[in-house]
C-alpha atoms as a PDB file:
ATOM      1  CA  MET A   1       6.405  40.462 160.913  1.00  0.00           C
ATOM      2  CA  GLU A   2       3.241  42.294 159.875  1.00  0.00           C
ATOM      3  CA  ASN A   3       1.246  39.039 160.078  1.00  0.00           C
ATOM      4  CA  PHE A   4       2.701  38.245 163.495  1.00  0.00           C
ATOM      5  CA  ILE A   5       1.789  41.707 164.832  1.00  0.00           C
ATOM      6  CA  PHE A   6      -1.721  41.266 163.415  1.00  0.00           C
ATOM      7  CA  SER A   7      -2.039  37.935 165.256  1.00  0.00           C
ATOM      8  CA  ILE A   8      -0.766  39.374 168.536  1.00  0.00           C
ATOM      9  CA  ASN A   9      -3.164  42.309 168.317  1.00  0.00           C
ATOM     10  CA  VAL A  10      -6.061  39.874 167.947  1.00  0.00           C
ATOM     11  CA  THR A  11      -5.240  37.475 170.779  1.00  0.00           C
ATOM     12  CA  ILE A  12      -3.306  39.301 173.476  1.00  0.00           C
ATOM     13  CA  PRO A  13      -5.876  42.008 174.395  1.00  0.00           C
ATOM     14  CA  ILE A  14      -8.441  39.305 175.160  1.00  0.00           C
ATOM     15  CA  PHE A  15      -6.053  37.428 177.417  1.00  0.00           C
ATOM     16  CA  LEU A  16      -4.932  40.646 179.123  1.00  0.00           C
ATOM     17  CA  VAL A  17      -8.519  41.089 180.324  1.00  0.00           C
ATOM     18  CA  MET A  18      -8.231  37.631 181.876  1.00  0.00           C
ATOM     19  CA  VAL A  19      -4.934  38.633 183.478  1.00  0.00           C
ATOM     20  CA  LEU A  20      -6.722  41.669 184.928  1.00  0.00           C
ATOM     21  CA  GLY A  21      -9.300  39.351 186.499  1.00  0.00           C
ATOM     22  CA  TRP A  22      -6.516  37.190 187.951  1.00  0.00           C
ATOM     23  CA  GLY A  23      -4.737  40.249 189.344  1.00  0.00           C
ATOM     24  CA  LEU A  24      -7.892  41.601 190.961  1.00  0.00           C
ATOM     25  CA  LYS A  25      -8.402  38.219 192.640  1.00  0.00           C
ATOM     26  CA  GLN A  26      -4.843  38.261 193.991  1.00  0.00           C
ATOM     27  CA  ILE A  27      -5.261  41.650 195.654  1.00  0.00           C
ATOM     28  CA  GLY A  28      -8.567  40.605 197.222  1.00  0.00           C
ATOM     29  CA  MET A  29     -10.901  42.795 195.184  1.00  0.00           C
ATOM     30  CA  LEU A  30     -12.585  39.689 193.728  1.00  0.00           C
ATOM     31  CA  ASN A  31     -13.233  36.366 195.462  1.00  0.00           C
ATOM     32  CA  ASP A  32     -14.481  32.842 194.752  1.00  0.00           C
ATOM     33  CA  ASN A  33     -18.064  33.867 195.375  1.00  0.00           C
ATOM     34  CA  PHE A  34     -17.755  36.518 192.658  1.00  0.00           C
ATOM     35  CA  VAL A  35     -16.467  33.904 190.207  1.00  0.00           C
ATOM     36  CA  THR A  36     -19.334  31.522 191.007  1.00  0.00           C
ATOM     37  CA  VAL A  37     -22.007  34.212 190.744  1.00  0.00           C
ATOM     38  CA  ALA A  38     -20.478  35.783 187.617  1.00  0.00           C
ATOM     39  CA  ASN A  39     -20.285  32.439 185.801  1.00  0.00           C
ATOM     40  CA  LYS A  40     -23.887  31.639 186.735  1.00  0.00           C
ATOM     41  CA  PHE A  41     -25.013  35.128 185.702  1.00  0.00           C
ATOM     42  CA  ASN A  42     -23.185  34.806 182.383  1.00  0.00           C
ATOM     43  CA  PHE A  43     -24.586  31.356 181.675  1.00  0.00           C
ATOM     44  CA  LYS A  44     -28.194  32.195 182.533  1.00  0.00           C
ATOM     45  CA  VAL A  45     -28.456  35.864 181.529  1.00  0.00           C
ATOM     46  CA  THR A  46     -25.739  37.669 179.574  1.00  0.00           C
ATOM     47  CA  LEU A  47     -24.740  34.884 177.148  1.00  0.00           C
ATOM     48  CA  PRO A  48     -28.348  34.109 176.150  1.00  0.00           C
ATOM     49  CA  PHE A  49     -28.887  37.856 175.654  1.00  0.00           C
ATOM     50  CA  LEU A  50     -25.687  38.069 173.583  1.00  0.00           C
ATOM     51  CA  LEU A  51     -26.671  35.157 171.374  1.00  0.00           C
ATOM     52  CA  PHE A  52     -30.215  36.450 171.032  1.00  0.00           C
ATOM     53  CA  ARG A  53     -28.942  39.908 170.027  1.00  0.00           C
ATOM     54  CA  ASP A  54     -26.410  38.626 167.523  1.00  0.00           C
ATOM     55  CA  LEU A  55     -28.814  36.219 165.871  1.00  0.00           C
ATOM     56  CA  SER A  56     -31.868  38.492 165.883  1.00  0.00           C
ATOM     57  CA  SER A  57     -29.869  41.372 164.383  1.00  0.00           C
ATOM     58  CA  VAL A  58     -28.636  39.291 161.428  1.00  0.00           C
ATOM     59  CA  ASP A  59     -30.802  38.659 158.387  1.00  0.00           C
ATOM     60  CA  ILE A  60     -30.459  34.883 158.591  1.00  0.00           C
ATOM     61  CA  LYS A  61     -32.382  34.364 155.348  1.00  0.00           C
ATOM     62  CA  ALA A  62     -29.927  36.592 153.468  1.00  0.00           C
ATOM     63  CA  VAL A  63     -26.652  35.283 154.924  1.00  0.00           C
ATOM     64  CA  PHE A  64     -27.592  31.684 155.700  1.00  0.00           C
ATOM     65  CA  ASP A  65     -25.071  29.252 154.273  1.00  0.00           C
ATOM     66  CA  LEU A  66     -26.289  25.675 154.646  1.00  0.00           C
ATOM     67  CA  LYS A  67     -22.934  24.191 153.636  1.00  0.00           C
ATOM     68  CA  TYR A  68     -21.168  26.240 156.320  1.00  0.00           C
ATOM     69  CA  VAL A  69     -23.660  25.452 159.107  1.00  0.00           C
ATOM     70  CA  LEU A  70     -23.578  21.755 158.204  1.00  0.00           C
ATOM     71  CA  PHE A  71     -19.778  21.793 158.212  1.00  0.00           C
ATOM     72  CA  CYS A  72     -19.798  23.273 161.744  1.00  0.00           C
ATOM     73  CA  ALA A  73     -22.318  20.690 162.927  1.00  0.00           C
ATOM     74  CA  ILE A  74     -20.586  17.724 161.277  1.00  0.00           C
ATOM     75  CA  ALA A  75     -17.096  18.748 162.447  1.00  0.00           C
ATOM     76  CA  SER A  76     -18.357  19.166 166.026  1.00  0.00           C
ATOM     77  CA  SER A  77     -20.131  15.810 165.877  1.00  0.00           C
ATOM     78  CA  VAL A  78     -17.153  13.950 164.427  1.00  0.00           C
ATOM     79  CA  CYS A  79     -14.835  15.423 167.080  1.00  0.00           C
ATOM     80  CA  PHE A  80     -17.210  14.377 169.860  1.00  0.00           C
ATOM     81  CA  TRP A  81     -17.846  10.804 168.756  1.00  0.00           C
ATOM     82  CA  VAL A  82     -14.225  10.090 167.770  1.00  0.00           C
ATOM     83  CA  ILE A  83     -12.899  11.459 171.072  1.00  0.00           C
ATOM     84  CA  TRP A  84     -15.482   9.508 173.076  1.00  0.00           C
ATOM     85  CA  GLY A  85     -14.759   6.294 171.172  1.00  0.00           C
ATOM     86  CA  GLY A  86     -10.997   6.725 171.535  1.00  0.00           C
ATOM     87  CA  THR A  87     -11.307   7.514 175.215  1.00  0.00           C
ATOM     88  CA  LYS A  88     -13.428   4.404 175.835  1.00  0.00           C
ATOM     89  CA  LEU A  89     -10.779   2.292 174.114  1.00  0.00           C
ATOM     90  CA  PHE A  90      -7.575   3.755 175.537  1.00  0.00           C
ATOM     91  CA  MET A  91      -8.275   5.450 178.880  1.00  0.00           C
ATOM     92  CA  LYS A  92      -7.583   3.071 181.763  1.00  0.00           C
ATOM     93  CA  ASP A  93      -9.237   5.125 184.504  1.00  0.00           C
ATOM     94  CA  LYS A  94     -12.882   5.053 183.398  1.00  0.00           C
ATOM     95  CA  THR A  95     -13.881   7.579 186.072  1.00  0.00           C
ATOM     96  CA  MET A  96     -12.232  10.298 183.970  1.00  0.00           C
ATOM     97  CA  THR A  97     -13.984   9.454 180.678  1.00  0.00           C
ATOM     98  CA  GLY A  98     -16.899  11.907 180.786  1.00  0.00           C
ATOM     99  CA  ALA A  99     -14.801  14.831 181.973  1.00  0.00           C
ATOM    100  CA  PHE A 100     -12.028  14.119 179.461  1.00  0.00           C
ATOM    101  CA  VAL A 101     -14.387  13.861 176.478  1.00  0.00           C
ATOM    102  CA  GLN A 102     -16.373  16.986 177.303  1.00  0.00           C
ATOM    103  CA  ALA A 103     -13.316  19.138 177.978  1.00  0.00           C
ATOM    104  CA  SER A 104     -11.506  17.871 174.862  1.00  0.00           C
ATOM    105  CA  PHE A 105     -14.174  18.820 172.315  1.00  0.00           C
ATOM    106  CA  ARG A 106     -16.209  21.670 173.822  1.00  0.00           C
ATOM    107  CA  SER A 107     -14.945  25.154 172.971  1.00  0.00           C
ATOM    108  CA  SER A 108     -15.704  28.497 174.539  1.00  0.00           C
ATOM    109  CA  ALA A 109     -17.237  29.500 171.212  1.00  0.00           C
ATOM    110  CA  ALA A 110     -19.868  31.914 172.454  1.00  0.00           C
ATOM    111  CA  VAL A 111     -17.529  33.960 174.686  1.00  0.00           C
ATOM    112  CA  MET A 112     -14.070  33.658 173.149  1.00  0.00           C
ATOM    113  CA  GLY A 113     -15.345  33.116 169.627  1.00  0.00           C
ATOM    114  CA  LEU A 114     -17.405  36.270 169.341  1.00  0.00           C
ATOM    115  CA  ALA A 115     -14.663  38.265 171.077  1.00  0.00           C
ATOM    116  CA  PHE A 116     -12.052  37.170 168.534  1.00  0.00           C
ATOM    117  CA  ILE A 117     -14.301  37.695 165.528  1.00  0.00           C
ATOM    118  CA  GLN A 118     -15.330  41.155 166.725  1.00  0.00           C
ATOM    119  CA  ASN A 119     -11.656  42.044 167.311  1.00  0.00           C
ATOM    120  CA  ILE A 120     -10.878  41.295 163.663  1.00  0.00           C
ATOM    121  CA  TYR A 121     -14.044  42.086 161.731  1.00  0.00           C
ATOM    122  CA  GLY A 122     -16.360  43.976 164.081  1.00  0.00           C
ATOM    123  CA  PRO A 123     -20.016  42.846 163.963  1.00  0.00           C
ATOM    124  CA  SER A 124     -20.123  39.573 162.064  1.00  0.00           C
ATOM    125  CA  ALA A 125     -22.767  37.338 160.505  1.00  0.00           C
ATOM    126  CA  MET A 126     -20.495  34.302 160.394  1.00  0.00           C
ATOM    127  CA  GLY A 127     -20.042  34.064 164.168  1.00  0.00           C
ATOM    128  CA  PRO A 128     -23.782  33.570 164.709  1.00  0.00           C
ATOM    129  CA  LEU A 129     -23.900  30.996 161.891  1.00  0.00           C
ATOM    130  CA  MET A 130     -21.094  29.024 163.546  1.00  0.00           C
ATOM    131  CA  ILE A 131     -22.981  29.223 166.843  1.00  0.00           C
ATOM    132  CA  ILE A 132     -26.136  27.851 165.182  1.00  0.00           C
ATOM    133  CA  GLY A 133     -24.143  24.886 163.875  1.00  0.00           C
ATOM    134  CA  ALA A 134     -22.032  24.102 166.935  1.00  0.00           C
ATOM    135  CA  VAL A 135     -23.176  25.525 170.281  1.00  0.00           C
ATOM    136  CA  PRO A 136     -26.479  23.631 170.637  1.00  0.00           C
ATOM    137  CA  LEU A 137     -24.590  20.404 169.882  1.00  0.00           C
ATOM    138  CA  TYR A 138     -21.938  21.288 172.476  1.00  0.00           C
ATOM    139  CA  ASN A 139     -24.603  21.437 175.153  1.00  0.00           C
ATOM    140  CA  ILE A 140     -26.517  18.351 173.974  1.00  0.00           C
ATOM    141  CA  TYR A 141     -23.425  16.157 173.578  1.00  0.00           C
ATOM    142  CA  SER A 142     -22.057  17.270 176.946  1.00  0.00           C
ATOM    143  CA  VAL A 143     -25.249  16.220 178.681  1.00  0.00           C
ATOM    144  CA  ILE A 144     -25.150  12.855 176.868  1.00  0.00           C
ATOM    145  CA  VAL A 145     -21.562  11.935 177.723  1.00  0.00           C
ATOM    146  CA  LEU A 146     -21.756  13.164 181.309  1.00  0.00           C
ATOM    147  CA  THR A 147     -24.979  11.221 181.824  1.00  0.00           C
ATOM    148  CA  PHE A 148     -23.660   7.932 180.467  1.00  0.00           C
ATOM    149  CA  GLU A 149     -20.223   8.246 182.110  1.00  0.00           C
ATOM    150  CA  ALA A 150     -21.430   9.486 185.519  1.00  0.00           C
ATOM    151  CA  GLN A 151     -20.030   7.518 188.434  1.00  0.00           C
ATOM    152  CA  SER A 152     -23.284   6.790 190.262  1.00  0.00           C
ATOM    153  CA  GLY A 153     -24.337   3.237 190.046  1.00  0.00           C
ATOM    154  CA  GLU A 154     -27.838   1.922 189.497  1.00  0.00           C
ATOM    155  CA  GLU A 155     -29.604   1.414 186.209  1.00  0.00           C
ATOM    156  CA  GLU A 156     -32.837   2.947 187.439  1.00  0.00           C
ATOM    157  CA  SER A 157     -31.145   6.132 188.580  1.00  0.00           C
ATOM    158  CA  GLN A 158     -29.369   6.217 185.211  1.00  0.00           C
ATOM    159  CA  LYS A 159     -32.736   6.171 183.442  1.00  0.00           C
ATOM    160  CA  ASN A 160     -33.928   8.982 185.676  1.00  0.00           C
ATOM    161  CA  LYS A 161     -30.815  10.943 184.811  1.00  0.00           C
ATOM    162  CA  ILE A 162     -31.494  10.526 181.107  1.00  0.00           C
ATOM    163  CA  LYS A 163     -34.974  11.944 181.618  1.00  0.00           C
ATOM    164  CA  ASP A 164     -33.489  14.816 183.628  1.00  0.00           C
ATOM    165  CA  ALA A 165     -30.872  15.346 180.917  1.00  0.00           C
ATOM    166  CA  CYS A 166     -33.570  15.709 178.258  1.00  0.00           C
ATOM    167  CA  LEU A 167     -35.329  18.300 180.410  1.00  0.00           C
ATOM    168  CA  ASN A 168     -32.052  20.115 181.034  1.00  0.00           C
ATOM    169  CA  ILE A 169     -31.424  20.280 177.287  1.00  0.00           C
ATOM    170  CA  LEU A 170     -34.838  21.848 176.755  1.00  0.00           C
ATOM    171  CA  LYS A 171     -34.288  24.295 179.637  1.00  0.00           C
ATOM    172  CA  ASN A 172     -30.713  25.201 178.675  1.00  0.00           C
ATOM    173  CA  PRO A 173     -30.581  29.040 178.555  1.00  0.00           C
ATOM    174  CA  ILE A 174     -28.002  29.062 175.749  1.00  0.00           C
ATOM    175  CA  ILE A 175     -30.219  26.919 173.514  1.00  0.00           C
ATOM    176  CA  ILE A 176     -33.262  29.039 174.433  1.00  0.00           C
ATOM    177  CA  GLY A 177     -31.362  32.235 173.522  1.00  0.00           C
ATOM    178  CA  ILE A 178     -30.320  30.754 170.167  1.00  0.00           C
ATOM    179  CA  PHE A 179     -33.855  29.560 169.403  1.00  0.00           C
ATOM    180  CA  LEU A 180     -35.473  32.896 170.286  1.00  0.00           C
ATOM    181  CA  GLY A 181     -32.849  34.825 168.299  1.00  0.00           C
ATOM    182  CA  LEU A 182     -33.435  32.629 165.263  1.00  0.00           C
ATOM    183  CA  MET A 183     -37.200  33.074 165.520  1.00  0.00           C
ATOM    184  CA  ALA A 184     -36.840  36.866 165.822  1.00  0.00           C
ATOM    185  CA  SER A 185     -34.603  36.939 162.744  1.00  0.00           C
ATOM    186  CA  LEU A 186     -36.729  34.630 160.611  1.00  0.00           C
ATOM    187  CA  LEU A 187     -39.931  36.455 161.546  1.00  0.00           C
ATOM    188  CA  GLU A 188     -38.161  39.794 160.918  1.00  0.00           C
ATOM    189  CA  ILE A 189     -39.403  41.223 164.207  1.00  0.00           C
ATOM    190  CA  ASP A 190     -38.579  44.923 164.516  1.00  0.00           C
ATOM    191  CA  PHE A 191     -38.188  45.648 168.220  1.00  0.00           C
ATOM    192  CA  LEU A 192     -38.742  49.036 169.803  1.00  0.00           C
ATOM    193  CA  VAL A 193     -35.590  51.107 170.339  1.00  0.00           C
ATOM    194  CA  LEU A 194     -36.195  50.765 174.077  1.00  0.00           C
ATOM    195  CA  VAL A 195     -36.058  46.965 173.822  1.00  0.00           C
ATOM    196  CA  ASP A 196     -33.058  46.971 171.474  1.00  0.00           C
ATOM    197  CA  LYS A 197     -31.005  49.181 173.801  1.00  0.00           C
ATOM    198  CA  THR A 198     -31.908  47.103 176.861  1.00  0.00           C
ATOM    199  CA  VAL A 199     -30.919  43.839 175.150  1.00  0.00           C
ATOM    200  CA  ASN A 200     -27.721  45.395 173.841  1.00  0.00           C
ATOM    201  CA  ASN A 201     -26.737  46.765 177.267  1.00  0.00           C
ATOM    202  CA  VAL A 202     -27.084  43.325 178.858  1.00  0.00           C
ATOM    203  CA  ALA A 203     -25.371  41.562 175.935  1.00  0.00           C
ATOM    204  CA  GLN A 204     -22.361  43.908 176.059  1.00  0.00           C
ATOM    205  CA  MET A 205     -21.568  42.657 179.558  1.00  0.00           C
ATOM    206  CA  ALA A 206     -21.157  39.035 178.469  1.00  0.00           C
ATOM    207  CA  THR A 207     -17.657  38.927 177.003  1.00  0.00           C
ATOM    208  CA  PRO A 208     -15.736  41.231 179.393  1.00  0.00           C
ATOM    209  CA  LEU A 209     -17.465  39.774 182.472  1.00  0.00           C
ATOM    210  CA  ALA A 210     -16.782  36.221 181.318  1.00  0.00           C
ATOM    211  CA  LEU A 211     -13.103  37.011 180.689  1.00  0.00           C
ATOM    212  CA  ILE A 212     -12.732  38.689 184.082  1.00  0.00           C
ATOM    213  CA  ALA A 213     -14.388  35.700 185.764  1.00  0.00           C
ATOM    214  CA  LEU A 214     -12.146  33.290 183.844  1.00  0.00           C
ATOM    215  CA  GLY A 215      -9.069  35.121 185.064  1.00  0.00           C
ATOM    216  CA  ALA A 216     -10.314  35.432 188.641  1.00  0.00           C
ATOM    217  CA  GLY A 217     -11.092  31.720 188.764  1.00  0.00           C
ATOM    218  CA  PHE A 218      -7.662  30.660 187.480  1.00  0.00           C
ATOM    219  CA  GLU A 219      -5.895  28.380 190.007  1.00  0.00           C
ATOM    220  CA  GLY A 220      -2.481  27.235 188.878  1.00  0.00           C
ATOM    221  CA  ARG A 221      -2.256  24.365 191.340  1.00  0.00           C
ATOM    222  CA  LYS A 222      -5.221  22.613 189.737  1.00  0.00           C
ATOM    223  CA  ALA A 223      -3.332  22.483 186.444  1.00  0.00           C
ATOM    224  CA  LEU A 224      -0.814  20.145 188.103  1.00  0.00           C
ATOM    225  CA  ALA A 225      -3.479  17.582 188.994  1.00  0.00           C
ATOM    226  CA  LYS A 226      -3.733  14.643 186.577  1.00  0.00           C
ATOM    227  CA  ILE A 227      -1.174  16.255 184.301  1.00  0.00           C
ATOM    228  CA  LYS A 228      -0.964  13.514 181.624  1.00  0.00           C
ATOM    229  CA  PRO A 229      -4.660  13.431 180.624  1.00  0.00           C
ATOM    230  CA  THR A 230      -4.721  17.211 180.978  1.00  0.00           C
ATOM    231  CA  LEU A 231      -1.939  17.656 178.412  1.00  0.00           C
ATOM    232  CA  ILE A 232      -3.454  15.095 176.029  1.00  0.00           C
ATOM    233  CA  ALA A 233      -6.873  16.780 176.195  1.00  0.00           C
ATOM    234  CA  SER A 234      -5.269  20.203 175.752  1.00  0.00           C
ATOM    235  CA  PHE A 235      -3.427  19.035 172.636  1.00  0.00           C
ATOM    236  CA  ILE A 236      -6.642  17.617 171.170  1.00  0.00           C
ATOM    237  CA  LYS A 237      -8.552  20.808 172.010  1.00  0.00           C
ATOM    238  CA  LEU A 238      -6.030  23.377 170.797  1.00  0.00           C
ATOM    239  CA  VAL A 239      -4.153  21.599 168.006  1.00  0.00           C
ATOM    240  CA  GLY A 240      -5.480  18.169 166.981  1.00  0.00           C
ATOM    241  CA  GLN A 241      -9.031  19.050 165.903  1.00  0.00           C
ATOM    242  CA  THR A 242      -7.846  22.169 164.100  1.00  0.00           C
ATOM    243  CA  ALA A 243      -5.097  20.356 162.207  1.00  0.00           C
ATOM    244  CA  VAL A 244      -7.671  17.914 160.835  1.00  0.00           C
ATOM    245  CA  PHE A 245     -10.554  20.225 159.932  1.00  0.00           C
ATOM    246  CA  LEU A 246      -8.989  23.558 158.886  1.00  0.00           C
ATOM    247  CA  PRO A 247      -7.368  22.069 155.751  1.00  0.00           C
ATOM    248  CA  ILE A 248     -10.748  20.539 154.851  1.00  0.00           C
ATOM    249  CA  ALA A 249     -12.415  23.928 155.406  1.00  0.00           C
ATOM    250  CA  ALA A 250      -9.840  25.645 153.176  1.00  0.00           C
ATOM    251  CA  TRP A 251     -10.346  22.979 150.488  1.00  0.00           C
ATOM    252  CA  MET A 252     -14.099  23.638 150.647  1.00  0.00           C
ATOM    253  CA  GLY A 253     -13.475  27.333 149.983  1.00  0.00           C
ATOM    254  CA  PHE A 254     -14.117  28.862 153.403  1.00  0.00           C
ATOM    255  CA  ASP A 255     -12.066  31.954 154.248  1.00  0.00           C
ATOM    256  CA  GLY A 256     -12.247  35.336 156.027  1.00  0.00           C
ATOM    257  CA  GLU A 257     -14.887  35.536 158.761  1.00  0.00           C
ATOM    258  CA  LYS A 258     -15.952  31.950 158.122  1.00  0.00           C
ATOM    259  CA  MET A 259     -12.437  30.634 158.650  1.00  0.00           C
ATOM    260  CA  ILE A 260     -11.932  32.622 161.856  1.00  0.00           C
ATOM    261  CA  ALA A 261     -15.266  31.376 163.221  1.00  0.00           C
ATOM    262  CA  LEU A 262     -14.244  27.799 162.401  1.00  0.00           C
ATOM    263  CA  LEU A 263     -10.864  28.323 164.039  1.00  0.00           C
ATOM    264  CA  ILE A 264     -12.548  29.475 167.244  1.00  0.00           C
ATOM    265  CA  MET A 265     -15.002  26.592 167.119  1.00  0.00           C
ATOM    266  CA  LEU A 266     -12.136  24.111 166.875  1.00  0.00           C
ATOM    267  CA  ALA A 267      -9.223  25.695 168.749  1.00  0.00           C
ATOM    268  CA  SER A 268     -10.481  28.041 171.464  1.00  0.00           C
ATOM    269  CA  PRO A 269     -10.025  27.034 175.137  1.00  0.00           C
ATOM    270  CA  THR A 270     -12.369  24.670 176.926  1.00  0.00           C
ATOM    271  CA  THR A 271     -15.357  26.587 178.260  1.00  0.00           C
ATOM    272  CA  PRO A 272     -15.534  27.018 182.063  1.00  0.00           C
ATOM    273  CA  SER A 273     -19.120  25.756 182.119  1.00  0.00           C
ATOM    274  CA  CYS A 274     -17.639  22.279 181.542  1.00  0.00           C
ATOM    275  CA  TYR A 275     -16.456  22.312 185.155  1.00  0.00           C
ATOM    276  CA  ILE A 276     -19.881  23.211 186.542  1.00  0.00           C
ATOM    277  CA  MET A 277     -21.592  20.490 184.493  1.00  0.00           C
ATOM    278  CA  ALA A 278     -18.980  17.844 185.323  1.00  0.00           C
ATOM    279  CA  LYS A 279     -19.287  18.413 189.070  1.00  0.00           C
ATOM    280  CA  ASN A 280     -23.078  18.542 189.049  1.00  0.00           C
ATOM    281  CA  MET A 281     -23.346  15.316 187.046  1.00  0.00           C
ATOM    282  CA  ASN A 282     -20.952  13.199 189.159  1.00  0.00           C
ATOM    283  CA  ASN A 283     -17.982  13.362 186.791  1.00  0.00           C
ATOM    284  CA  ASP A 284     -14.339  14.295 187.419  1.00  0.00           C
ATOM    285  CA  GLY A 285     -14.348  17.985 188.393  1.00  0.00           C
ATOM    286  CA  VAL A 286     -10.625  18.085 189.167  1.00  0.00           C
ATOM    287  CA  LEU A 287      -9.629  16.894 185.682  1.00  0.00           C
ATOM    288  CA  THR A 288     -12.108  19.284 184.056  1.00  0.00           C
ATOM    289  CA  ALA A 289     -10.767  22.267 186.013  1.00  0.00           C
ATOM    290  CA  SER A 290      -7.212  21.281 185.117  1.00  0.00           C
ATOM    291  CA  ILE A 291      -8.040  21.152 181.384  1.00  0.00           C
ATOM    292  CA  VAL A 292      -9.923  24.468 181.491  1.00  0.00           C
ATOM    293  CA  VAL A 293      -6.974  26.172 183.196  1.00  0.00           C
ATOM    294  CA  THR A 294      -4.348  24.652 180.901  1.00  0.00           C
ATOM    295  CA  THR A 295      -6.169  25.314 177.617  1.00  0.00           C
ATOM    296  CA  THR A 296      -6.915  28.870 178.704  1.00  0.00           C
ATOM    297  CA  LEU A 297      -3.245  29.468 179.463  1.00  0.00           C
ATOM    298  CA  LEU A 298      -1.882  27.825 176.291  1.00  0.00           C
ATOM    299  CA  ALA A 299      -4.489  29.213 173.887  1.00  0.00           C
ATOM    300  CA  ALA A 300      -2.794  32.627 173.945  1.00  0.00           C
ATOM    301  CA  PHE A 301       0.082  30.982 172.073  1.00  0.00           C
ATOM    302  CA  THR A 302      -1.712  28.378 169.961  1.00  0.00           C
ATOM    303  CA  LEU A 303      -4.438  30.729 168.718  1.00  0.00           C
ATOM    304  CA  THR A 304      -1.833  33.353 167.880  1.00  0.00           C
ATOM    305  CA  GLY A 305       0.037  30.710 165.899  1.00  0.00           C
ATOM    306  CA  TRP A 306      -3.073  29.559 164.031  1.00  0.00           C
ATOM    307  CA  ILE A 307      -4.126  33.120 163.196  1.00  0.00           C
ATOM    308  CA  PHE A 308      -0.574  33.921 162.031  1.00  0.00           C
ATOM    309  CA  LEU A 309      -0.659  30.815 159.788  1.00  0.00           C
ATOM    310  CA  LEU A 310      -4.063  31.658 158.306  1.00  0.00           C
ATOM    311  CA  LYS A 311      -3.038  35.277 157.733  1.00  0.00           C
ATOM    312  CA  THR A 312       0.203  34.215 156.053  1.00  0.00           C
ATOM    313  CA  MET A 313      -1.711  31.833 153.758  1.00  0.00           C
ATOM    314  CA  GLY A 314      -4.174  34.593 152.821  1.00  0.00           C
ATOM    315  CA  LEU A 315      -7.179  32.768 154.281  1.00  0.00           C
ATOM    316  CA  ILE A 316      -8.176  35.639 156.595  1.00  0.00           C
END
């Protein structure tokens, strides 16, 4: 019972913030425009600030664990390529391929991940290390699969899209925030208190604003669209990847903060930015929205179960 209460105390407060966002939308205090602007603001401003702050404030040289970062990168890569290969083989409706693959492997690691880790351990060095290993690959792989599986026709336009995709990778604010944070840490830059407080104030907005926006943007009817691929993708996202890689992580000796960060990398809900990217790159926005909604709803139960299991086994 103690382990179950511990698990509930970690997961439920985060999802209650999302419920608050949903409730405020229902009474008309928030609207669709707020959700759109908040998601854009989070993606371009607060999340890069959050990642920059967390990475720049950690002594990367002291805590860097190459085996751990490589495990995050390899696990993310294996999940992506296996899911894409399986989808190409077994999915009959090829128009859904890009959306299905992206939403099945890409976690909300930066928002949900840091929130969970901070709930359990407070400020953590392992969350940023997981982000170094996984989040840049999330963005790069998403651009790749959405480019190659986009439903616009000609080969020449496809080549142009690949060029645009490369530019978008370089201009991605999340990747820029990670890169700048790493440079600040490695160069041991000591910022003025004025700068530190400004960065921290902006970064502190990221998680609560993202959770409120997630809740406000929740539309139950979209979860009913394309229900079969939605449920398959949700199972892969919340259960399948975790069931494969957590035992390997435990065998390799990872525990505590490292294990929680890996759990979030593998089993947190699909990030809402998947929907924006899928629509903008001529992929299936309806399926993506359905998977985001469903994984967000179910993760309250699956993450609680995983955390309960890890706590019971003494791994966290």
